[in-house]
Amino acid sequence: MLVKAGVRSTALVMVRNEHIEECKRFIKTENLFMVLNPRGEHHTTIYMFKHSCVENIINFTLDKPYNKKALIRWIEGKMFSYSDEEIARFMGKS
């Protein structure tokens, strides 16, 4: 709820693997994006976020492939106190 409302840019939850599909359906009904990070044989961490540009930040922190230019633009936006929504809007134009 906090991510959808824009209060937080990202949330995460660790779930048992048998519940992943149910979680994915729920996240999609909330119009959010997600990144899955397997955490062993039985669990996966699900990162949820409202703006697609946040995926680069998550992937960077997880040492997964990411768009360096998009990451730098997000960092620059945060340096000048822009919201995730404004950064996403700007990145959608470029």
PDB file of N, CA and C in Angstrom:
ATOM      1  N   MET A   1       0.820  -1.189   0.000  1.00  0.00           N
ATOM      2  CA  MET A   1       0.000   0.000   0.000  1.00  0.00           C
ATOM      3  C   MET A   1       0.868   1.258   0.000  1.00  0.00           C
ATOM      4  N   LEU A   2       1.988   1.227   0.731  1.00  0.00           N
ATOM      5  CA  LEU A   2       2.854   2.405   0.792  1.00  0.00           C
ATOM      6  C   LEU A   2       3.543   2.665  -0.545  1.00  0.00           C
ATOM      7  N   VAL A   3       3.880   1.625  -1.258  1.00  0.00           N
ATOM      8  CA  VAL A   3       4.497   1.789  -2.576  1.00  0.00           C
ATOM      9  C   VAL A   3       3.480   2.341  -3.563  1.00  0.00           C
ATOM     10  N   LYS A   4       2.309   1.760  -3.584  1.00  0.00           N
ATOM     11  CA  LYS A   4       1.262   2.219  -4.509  1.00  0.00           C
ATOM     12  C   LYS A   4       0.903   3.681  -4.255  1.00  0.00           C
ATOM     13  N   ALA A   5       0.893   4.098  -2.994  1.00  0.00           N
ATOM     14  CA  ALA A   5       0.566   5.478  -2.635  1.00  0.00           C
ATOM     15  C   ALA A   5       1.717   6.443  -2.898  1.00  0.00           C
ATOM     16  N   GLY A   6       2.911   5.920  -3.170  1.00  0.00           N
ATOM     17  CA  GLY A   6       4.058   6.772  -3.436  1.00  0.00           C
ATOM     18  C   GLY A   6       4.820   7.192  -2.195  1.00  0.00           C
ATOM     19  N   VAL A   7       4.477   6.643  -1.034  1.00  0.00           N
ATOM     20  CA  VAL A   7       5.172   6.969   0.205  1.00  0.00           C
ATOM     21  C   VAL A   7       6.558   6.334   0.218  1.00  0.00           C
ATOM     22  N   ARG A   8       6.643   5.126  -0.267  1.00  0.00           N
ATOM     23  CA  ARG A   8       7.923   4.413  -0.387  1.00  0.00           C
ATOM     24  C   ARG A   8       8.142   4.063  -1.853  1.00  0.00           C
ATOM     25  N   SER A   9       9.398   4.092  -2.270  1.00  0.00           N
ATOM     26  CA  SER A   9       9.657   3.749  -3.673  1.00  0.00           C
ATOM     27  C   SER A   9       9.737   2.244  -3.882  1.00  0.00           C
ATOM     28  N   THR A  10      10.098   1.510  -2.829  1.00  0.00           N
ATOM     29  CA  THR A  10      10.280   0.061  -2.953  1.00  0.00           C
ATOM     30  C   THR A  10       9.864  -0.635  -1.662  1.00  0.00           C
ATOM     31  N   ALA A  11       9.343  -1.825  -1.824  1.00  0.00           N
ATOM     32  CA  ALA A  11       9.076  -2.700  -0.677  1.00  0.00           C
ATOM     33  C   ALA A  11       9.557  -4.087  -1.063  1.00  0.00           C
ATOM     34  N   LEU A  12       9.828  -4.893  -0.074  1.00  0.00           N
ATOM     35  CA  LEU A  12      10.198  -6.270  -0.378  1.00  0.00           C
ATOM     36  C   LEU A  12       9.577  -7.208   0.630  1.00  0.00           C
ATOM     37  N   VAL A  13       9.414  -8.423   0.179  1.00  0.00           N
ATOM     38  CA  VAL A  13       8.884  -9.477   1.032  1.00  0.00           C
ATOM     39  C   VAL A  13       9.559 -10.787   0.618  1.00  0.00           C
ATOM     40  N   MET A  14       9.897 -11.595   1.610  1.00  0.00           N
ATOM     41  CA  MET A  14      10.440 -12.915   1.307  1.00  0.00           C
ATOM     42  C   MET A  14       9.299 -13.918   1.430  1.00  0.00           C
ATOM     43  N   VAL A  15       9.122 -14.715   0.389  1.00  0.00           N
ATOM     44  CA  VAL A  15       8.025 -15.690   0.375  1.00  0.00           C
ATOM     45  C   VAL A  15       8.557 -17.079   0.055  1.00  0.00           C
ATOM     46  N   ARG A  16       7.795 -18.055   0.469  1.00  0.00           N
ATOM     47  CA  ARG A  16       8.107 -19.433   0.079  1.00  0.00           C
ATOM     48  C   ARG A  16       7.797 -19.565  -1.401  1.00  0.00           C
ATOM     49  N   ASN A  17       8.596 -20.319  -2.097  1.00  0.00           N
ATOM     50  CA  ASN A  17       8.486 -20.424  -3.558  1.00  0.00           C
ATOM     51  C   ASN A  17       7.113 -20.885  -4.032  1.00  0.00           C
ATOM     52  N   GLU A  18       6.401 -21.661  -3.246  1.00  0.00           N
ATOM     53  CA  GLU A  18       5.078 -22.122  -3.686  1.00  0.00           C
ATOM     54  C   GLU A  18       4.045 -20.992  -3.717  1.00  0.00           C
ATOM     55  N   HIS A  19       4.383 -19.828  -3.148  1.00  0.00           N
ATOM     56  CA  HIS A  19       3.451 -18.693  -3.136  1.00  0.00           C
ATOM     57  C   HIS A  19       3.806 -17.602  -4.148  1.00  0.00           C
ATOM     58  N   ILE A  20       4.849 -17.806  -4.939  1.00  0.00           N
ATOM     59  CA  ILE A  20       5.313 -16.771  -5.865  1.00  0.00           C
ATOM     60  C   ILE A  20       4.238 -16.392  -6.876  1.00  0.00           C
ATOM     61  N   GLU A  21       3.598 -17.344  -7.496  1.00  0.00           N
ATOM     62  CA  GLU A  21       2.601 -17.035  -8.538  1.00  0.00           C
ATOM     63  C   GLU A  21       1.440 -16.224  -7.972  1.00  0.00           C
ATOM     64  N   GLU A  22       1.003 -16.559  -6.784  1.00  0.00           N
ATOM     65  CA  GLU A  22      -0.073 -15.803  -6.140  1.00  0.00           C
ATOM     66  C   GLU A  22       0.376 -14.361  -5.872  1.00  0.00           C
ATOM     67  N   CYS A  23       1.594 -14.195  -5.399  1.00  0.00           N
ATOM     68  CA  CYS A  23       2.131 -12.855  -5.149  1.00  0.00           C
ATOM     69  C   CYS A  23       2.257 -12.067  -6.447  1.00  0.00           C
ATOM     70  N   LYS A  24       2.724 -12.708  -7.505  1.00  0.00           N
ATOM     71  CA  LYS A  24       2.866 -12.031  -8.794  1.00  0.00           C
ATOM     72  C   LYS A  24       1.517 -11.545  -9.309  1.00  0.00           C
ATOM     73  N   ARG A  25       0.495 -12.359  -9.168  1.00  0.00           N
ATOM     74  CA  ARG A  25      -0.851 -11.946  -9.597  1.00  0.00           C
ATOM     75  C   ARG A  25      -1.319 -10.728  -8.813  1.00  0.00           C
ATOM     76  N   PHE A  26      -1.112 -10.749  -7.513  1.00  0.00           N
ATOM     77  CA  PHE A  26      -1.521  -9.628  -6.680  1.00  0.00           C
ATOM     78  C   PHE A  26      -0.771  -8.356  -7.064  1.00  0.00           C
ATOM     79  N   ILE A  27       0.527  -8.454  -7.250  1.00  0.00           N
ATOM     80  CA  ILE A  27       1.349  -7.291  -7.608  1.00  0.00           C
ATOM     81  C   ILE A  27       0.879  -6.707  -8.937  1.00  0.00           C
ATOM     82  N   LYS A  28       0.570  -7.554  -9.886  1.00  0.00           N
ATOM     83  CA  LYS A  28       0.076  -7.072 -11.186  1.00  0.00           C
ATOM     84  C   LYS A  28      -1.280  -6.394 -11.052  1.00  0.00           C
ATOM     85  N   THR A  29      -2.158  -6.904 -10.192  1.00  0.00           N
ATOM     86  CA  THR A  29      -3.469  -6.254 -10.021  1.00  0.00           C
ATOM     87  C   THR A  29      -3.323  -4.875  -9.378  1.00  0.00           C
ATOM     88  N   GLU A  30      -2.228  -4.659  -8.664  1.00  0.00           N
ATOM     89  CA  GLU A  30      -1.956  -3.364  -8.040  1.00  0.00           C
ATOM     90  C   GLU A  30      -1.195  -2.432  -8.990  1.00  0.00           C
ATOM     91  N   ASN A  31      -0.943  -2.884 -10.225  1.00  0.00           N
ATOM     92  CA  ASN A  31      -0.200  -2.097 -11.228  1.00  0.00           C
ATOM     93  C   ASN A  31       1.198  -1.709 -10.757  1.00  0.00           C
ATOM     94  N   LEU A  32       1.866  -2.650 -10.103  1.00  0.00           N
ATOM     95  CA  LEU A  32       3.231  -2.442  -9.654  1.00  0.00           C
ATOM     96  C   LEU A  32       4.184  -3.304 -10.471  1.00  0.00           C
ATOM     97  N   PHE A  33       5.463  -2.980 -10.394  1.00  0.00           N
ATOM     98  CA  PHE A  33       6.505  -3.772 -11.030  1.00  0.00           C
ATOM     99  C   PHE A  33       7.178  -4.620  -9.956  1.00  0.00           C
ATOM    100  N   MET A  34       7.966  -5.613 -10.397  1.00  0.00           N
ATOM    101  CA  MET A  34       8.635  -6.472  -9.422  1.00  0.00           C
ATOM    102  C   MET A  34       9.943  -7.019  -9.961  1.00  0.00           C
ATOM    103  N   VAL A  35      10.827  -7.350  -9.057  1.00  0.00           N
ATOM    104  CA  VAL A  35      12.059  -8.073  -9.344  1.00  0.00           C
ATOM    105  C   VAL A  35      12.100  -9.236  -8.369  1.00  0.00           C
ATOM    106  N   LEU A  36      12.373 -10.418  -8.898  1.00  0.00           N
ATOM    107  CA  LEU A  36      12.480 -11.612  -8.055  1.00  0.00           C
ATOM    108  C   LEU A  36      13.945 -11.914  -7.794  1.00  0.00           C
ATOM    109  N   ASN A  37      14.264 -12.252  -6.557  1.00  0.00           N
ATOM    110  CA  ASN A  37      15.625 -12.603  -6.177  1.00  0.00           C
ATOM    111  C   ASN A  37      15.579 -13.912  -5.394  1.00  0.00           C
ATOM    112  N   PRO A  38      15.837 -15.062  -6.062  1.00  0.00           N
ATOM    113  CA  PRO A  38      15.828 -16.347  -5.365  1.00  0.00           C
ATOM    114  C   PRO A  38      16.807 -16.335  -4.188  1.00  0.00           C
ATOM    115  N   ARG A  39      16.341 -16.841  -3.056  1.00  0.00           N
ATOM    116  CA  ARG A  39      17.145 -16.836  -1.840  1.00  0.00           C
ATOM    117  C   ARG A  39      17.364 -18.248  -1.310  1.00  0.00           C
ATOM    118  N   GLY A  40      17.643 -19.140  -2.200  1.00  0.00           N
ATOM    119  CA  GLY A  40      17.862 -20.513  -1.798  1.00  0.00           C
ATOM    120  C   GLY A  40      16.810 -21.421  -2.404  1.00  0.00           C
ATOM    121  N   GLU A  41      16.787 -22.614  -1.925  1.00  0.00           N
ATOM    122  CA  GLU A  41      15.921 -23.647  -2.487  1.00  0.00           C
ATOM    123  C   GLU A  41      14.439 -23.401  -2.218  1.00  0.00           C
ATOM    124  N   HIS A  42      14.094 -22.732  -1.120  1.00  0.00           N
ATOM    125  CA  HIS A  42      12.698 -22.647  -0.705  1.00  0.00           C
ATOM    126  C   HIS A  42      12.097 -21.241  -0.674  1.00  0.00           C
ATOM    127  N   HIS A  43      12.925 -20.213  -0.786  1.00  0.00           N
ATOM    128  CA  HIS A  43      12.425 -18.837  -0.638  1.00  0.00           C
ATOM    129  C   HIS A  43      12.893 -17.934  -1.772  1.00  0.00           C
ATOM    130  N   THR A  44      12.116 -16.894  -2.018  1.00  0.00           N
ATOM    131  CA  THR A  44      12.450 -15.856  -2.985  1.00  0.00           C
ATOM    132  C   THR A  44      12.068 -14.513  -2.383  1.00  0.00           C
ATOM    133  N   THR A  45      12.932 -13.524  -2.580  1.00  0.00           N
ATOM    134  CA  THR A  45      12.604 -12.160  -2.176  1.00  0.00           C
ATOM    135  C   THR A  45      11.962 -11.475  -3.369  1.00  0.00           C
ATOM    136  N   ILE A  46      10.840 -10.817  -3.134  1.00  0.00           N
ATOM    137  CA  ILE A  46      10.145 -10.078  -4.181  1.00  0.00           C
ATOM    138  C   ILE A  46      10.251  -8.589  -3.855  1.00  0.00           C
ATOM    139  N   TYR A  47      10.858  -7.846  -4.764  1.00  0.00           N
ATOM    140  CA  TYR A  47      10.923  -6.387  -4.661  1.00  0.00           C
ATOM    141  C   TYR A  47       9.760  -5.824  -5.456  1.00  0.00           C
ATOM    142  N   MET A  48       8.992  -4.913  -4.867  1.00  0.00           N
ATOM    143  CA  MET A  48       7.836  -4.290  -5.530  1.00  0.00           C
ATOM    144  C   MET A  48       8.069  -2.794  -5.618  1.00  0.00           C
ATOM    145  N   PHE A  49       7.711  -2.207  -6.761  1.00  0.00           N
ATOM    146  CA  PHE A  49       7.921  -0.775  -6.946  1.00  0.00           C
ATOM    147  C   PHE A  49       6.936  -0.233  -7.975  1.00  0.00           C
ATOM    148  N   LYS A  50       6.672   1.058  -7.882  1.00  0.00           N
ATOM    149  CA  LYS A  50       5.662   1.708  -8.708  1.00  0.00           C
ATOM    150  C   LYS A  50       6.208   2.200 -10.048  1.00  0.00           C
ATOM    151  N   HIS A  51       7.463   2.628 -10.063  1.00  0.00           N
ATOM    152  CA  HIS A  51       8.055   3.221 -11.261  1.00  0.00           C
ATOM    153  C   HIS A  51       9.121   2.293 -11.836  1.00  0.00           C
ATOM    154  N   SER A  52       9.020   2.010 -13.113  1.00  0.00           N
ATOM    155  CA  SER A  52       9.920   1.042 -13.740  1.00  0.00           C
ATOM    156  C   SER A  52      11.390   1.439 -13.634  1.00  0.00           C
ATOM    157  N   CYS A  53      11.684   2.736 -13.515  1.00  0.00           N
ATOM    158  CA  CYS A  53      13.085   3.167 -13.427  1.00  0.00           C
ATOM    159  C   CYS A  53      13.763   2.638 -12.156  1.00  0.00           C
ATOM    160  N   VAL A  54      13.008   2.283 -11.156  1.00  0.00           N
ATOM    161  CA  VAL A  54      13.572   1.767  -9.904  1.00  0.00           C
ATOM    162  C   VAL A  54      14.185   0.375 -10.114  1.00  0.00           C
ATOM    163  N   GLU A  55      13.768  -0.318 -11.155  1.00  0.00           N
ATOM    164  CA  GLU A  55      14.315  -1.658 -11.427  1.00  0.00           C
ATOM    165  C   GLU A  55      15.835  -1.613 -11.590  1.00  0.00           C
ATOM    166  N   ASN A  56      16.365  -0.573 -12.219  1.00  0.00           N
ATOM    167  CA  ASN A  56      17.816  -0.455 -12.383  1.00  0.00           C
ATOM    168  C   ASN A  56      18.527  -0.360 -11.049  1.00  0.00           C
ATOM    169  N   ILE A  57      17.955   0.354 -10.111  1.00  0.00           N
ATOM    170  CA  ILE A  57      18.577   0.502  -8.795  1.00  0.00           C
ATOM    171  C   ILE A  57      18.589  -0.839  -8.076  1.00  0.00           C
ATOM    172  N   ILE A  58      17.473  -1.527  -8.134  1.00  0.00           N
ATOM    173  CA  ILE A  58      17.387  -2.848  -7.489  1.00  0.00           C
ATOM    174  C   ILE A  58      18.382  -3.808  -8.126  1.00  0.00           C
ATOM    175  N   ASN A  59      18.393  -3.854  -9.454  1.00  0.00           N
ATOM    176  CA  ASN A  59      19.329  -4.763 -10.138  1.00  0.00           C
ATOM    177  C   ASN A  59      20.778  -4.416  -9.823  1.00  0.00           C
ATOM    178  N   PHE A  60      21.092  -3.129  -9.720  1.00  0.00           N
ATOM    179  CA  PHE A  60      22.446  -2.714  -9.344  1.00  0.00           C
ATOM    180  C   PHE A  60      22.804  -3.263  -7.962  1.00  0.00           C
ATOM    181  N   THR A  61      21.892  -3.118  -6.999  1.00  0.00           N
ATOM    182  CA  THR A  61      22.181  -3.582  -5.640  1.00  0.00           C
ATOM    183  C   THR A  61      22.290  -5.098  -5.552  1.00  0.00           C
ATOM    184  N   LEU A  62      21.621  -5.802  -6.484  1.00  0.00           N
ATOM    185  CA  LEU A  62      21.663  -7.269  -6.482  1.00  0.00           C
ATOM    186  C   LEU A  62      22.771  -7.819  -7.383  1.00  0.00           C
ATOM    187  N   ASP A  63      23.567  -6.922  -7.957  1.00  0.00           N
ATOM    188  CA  ASP A  63      24.646  -7.307  -8.872  1.00  0.00           C
ATOM    189  C   ASP A  63      24.105  -8.048 -10.095  1.00  0.00           C
ATOM    190  N   LYS A  64      22.943  -7.580 -10.585  1.00  0.00           N
ATOM    191  CA  LYS A  64      22.337  -8.097 -11.808  1.00  0.00           C
ATOM    192  C   LYS A  64      22.542  -7.056 -12.904  1.00  0.00           C
ATOM    193  N   PRO A  65      22.381  -7.419 -14.164  1.00  0.00           N
ATOM    194  CA  PRO A  65      22.541  -6.442 -15.249  1.00  0.00           C
ATOM    195  C   PRO A  65      21.574  -5.260 -15.082  1.00  0.00           C
ATOM    196  N   TYR A  66      22.071  -4.064 -15.384  1.00  0.00           N
ATOM    197  CA  TYR A  66      21.276  -2.847 -15.258  1.00  0.00           C
ATOM    198  C   TYR A  66      21.733  -1.844 -16.312  1.00  0.00           C
ATOM    199  N   ASN A  67      20.929  -0.819 -16.528  1.00  0.00           N
ATOM    200  CA  ASN A  67      21.229   0.246 -17.471  1.00  0.00           C
ATOM    201  C   ASN A  67      21.977   1.341 -16.715  1.00  0.00           C
ATOM    202  N   LYS A  68      23.269   1.484 -16.982  1.00  0.00           N
ATOM    203  CA  LYS A  68      24.108   2.432 -16.244  1.00  0.00           C
ATOM    204  C   LYS A  68      23.633   3.874 -16.447  1.00  0.00           C
ATOM    205  N   LYS A  69      23.276   4.234 -17.666  1.00  0.00           N
ATOM    206  CA  LYS A  69      22.828   5.599 -17.943  1.00  0.00           C
ATOM    207  C   LYS A  69      21.563   5.917 -17.140  1.00  0.00           C
ATOM    208  N   ALA A  70      20.620   4.976 -17.094  1.00  0.00           N
ATOM    209  CA  ALA A  70      19.381   5.177 -16.345  1.00  0.00           C
ATOM    210  C   ALA A  70      19.666   5.270 -14.850  1.00  0.00           C
ATOM    211  N   LEU A  71      20.586   4.475 -14.352  1.00  0.00           N
ATOM    212  CA  LEU A  71      20.956   4.537 -12.931  1.00  0.00           C
ATOM    213  C   LEU A  71      21.540   5.903 -12.587  1.00  0.00           C
ATOM    214  N   ILE A  72      22.418   6.405 -13.421  1.00  0.00           N
ATOM    215  CA  ILE A  72      23.032   7.708 -13.173  1.00  0.00           C
ATOM    216  C   ILE A  72      21.980   8.811 -13.199  1.00  0.00           C
ATOM    217  N   ARG A  73      21.040   8.740 -14.150  1.00  0.00           N
ATOM    218  CA  ARG A  73      19.974   9.751 -14.200  1.00  0.00           C
ATOM    219  C   ARG A  73      19.118   9.712 -12.938  1.00  0.00           C
ATOM    220  N   TRP A  74      18.831   8.505 -12.433  1.00  0.00           N
ATOM    221  CA  TRP A  74      18.044   8.394 -11.211  1.00  0.00           C
ATOM    222  C   TRP A  74      18.807   9.021 -10.040  1.00  0.00           C
ATOM    223  N   ILE A  75      20.102   8.720  -9.942  1.00  0.00           N
ATOM    224  CA  ILE A  75      20.927   9.292  -8.870  1.00  0.00           C
ATOM    225  C   ILE A  75      20.947  10.817  -8.971  1.00  0.00           C
ATOM    226  N   GLU A  76      21.127  11.332 -10.180  1.00  0.00           N
ATOM    227  CA  GLU A  76      21.127  12.786 -10.361  1.00  0.00           C
ATOM    228  C   GLU A  76      19.787  13.394  -9.942  1.00  0.00           C
ATOM    229  N   GLY A  77      18.698  12.736 -10.304  1.00  0.00           N
ATOM    230  CA  GLY A  77      17.381  13.228  -9.897  1.00  0.00           C
ATOM    231  C   GLY A  77      17.241  13.275  -8.391  1.00  0.00           C
ATOM    232  N   LYS A  78      17.713  12.238  -7.712  1.00  0.00           N
ATOM    233  CA  LYS A  78      17.641  12.196  -6.246  1.00  0.00           C
ATOM    234  C   LYS A  78      18.549  13.247  -5.613  1.00  0.00           C
ATOM    235  N   MET A  79      19.721  13.520  -6.234  1.00  0.00           N
ATOM    236  CA  MET A  79      20.623  14.547  -5.699  1.00  0.00           C
ATOM    237  C   MET A  79      19.934  15.904  -5.636  1.00  0.00           C
ATOM    238  N   PHE A  80      19.029  16.148  -6.594  1.00  0.00           N
ATOM    239  CA  PHE A  80      18.340  17.434  -6.643  1.00  0.00           C
ATOM    240  C   PHE A  80      16.904  17.331  -6.135  1.00  0.00           C
ATOM    241  N   SER A  81      16.647  16.284  -5.354  1.00  0.00           N
ATOM    242  CA  SER A  81      15.394  16.100  -4.603  1.00  0.00           C
ATOM    243  C   SER A  81      14.145  15.910  -5.457  1.00  0.00           C
ATOM    244  N   TYR A  82      14.309  15.364  -6.646  1.00  0.00           N
ATOM    245  CA  TYR A  82      13.132  15.047  -7.456  1.00  0.00           C
ATOM    246  C   TYR A  82      12.502  13.753  -6.949  1.00  0.00           C
ATOM    247  N   SER A  83      11.195  13.644  -7.087  1.00  0.00           N
ATOM    248  CA  SER A  83      10.479  12.441  -6.673  1.00  0.00           C
ATOM    249  C   SER A  83      10.702  11.335  -7.703  1.00  0.00           C
ATOM    250  N   ASP A  84      10.437  10.117  -7.293  1.00  0.00           N
ATOM    251  CA  ASP A  84      10.525   8.992  -8.229  1.00  0.00           C
ATOM    252  C   ASP A  84       9.596   9.211  -9.415  1.00  0.00           C
ATOM    253  N   GLU A  85       8.427   9.776  -9.148  1.00  0.00           N
ATOM    254  CA  GLU A  85       7.462  10.031 -10.214  1.00  0.00           C
ATOM    255  C   GLU A  85       8.019  11.003 -11.252  1.00  0.00           C
ATOM    256  N   GLU A  86       8.652  12.077 -10.809  1.00  0.00           N
ATOM    257  CA  GLU A  86       9.231  13.058 -11.738  1.00  0.00           C
ATOM    258  C   GLU A  86      10.424  12.480 -12.485  1.00  0.00           C
ATOM    259  N   ILE A  87      11.230  11.694 -11.786  1.00  0.00           N
ATOM    260  CA  ILE A  87      12.375  11.054 -12.449  1.00  0.00           C
ATOM    261  C   ILE A  87      11.865  10.091 -13.523  1.00  0.00           C
ATOM    262  N   ALA A  88      10.869   9.298 -13.186  1.00  0.00           N
ATOM    263  CA  ALA A  88      10.306   8.349 -14.153  1.00  0.00           C
ATOM    264  C   ALA A  88       9.715   9.093 -15.354  1.00  0.00           C
ATOM    265  N   ARG A  89       9.033  10.190 -15.100  1.00  0.00           N
ATOM    266  CA  ARG A  89       8.451  10.977 -16.184  1.00  0.00           C
ATOM    267  C   ARG A  89       9.561  11.516 -17.108  1.00  0.00           C
ATOM    268  N   PHE A  90      10.624  12.055 -16.523  1.00  0.00           N
ATOM    269  CA  PHE A  90      11.745  12.572 -17.296  1.00  0.00           C
ATOM    270  C   PHE A  90      12.400  11.461 -18.108  1.00  0.00           C
ATOM    271  N   MET A  91      12.625  10.313 -17.478  1.00  0.00           N
ATOM    272  CA  MET A  91      13.292   9.205 -18.164  1.00  0.00           C
ATOM    273  C   MET A  91      12.427   8.634 -19.272  1.00  0.00           C
ATOM    274  N   GLY A  92      11.116   8.750 -19.136  1.00  0.00           N
ATOM    275  CA  GLY A  92      10.224   8.290 -20.190  1.00  0.00           C
ATOM    276  C   GLY A  92      10.299   9.162 -21.423  1.00  0.00           C
ATOM    277  N   LYS A  93      10.718  10.415 -21.247  1.00  0.00           N
ATOM    278  CA  LYS A  93      10.830  11.349 -22.368  1.00  0.00           C
ATOM    279  C   LYS A  93      12.156  11.216 -23.082  1.00  0.00           C
ATOM    280  N   SER A  94      13.189  10.678 -22.404  1.00  0.00           N
ATOM    281  CA  SER A  94      14.510  10.630 -23.031  1.00  0.00           C
ATOM    282  C   SER A  94      14.847   9.249 -23.545  1.00  0.00           C
TER     283      SER A  94
END
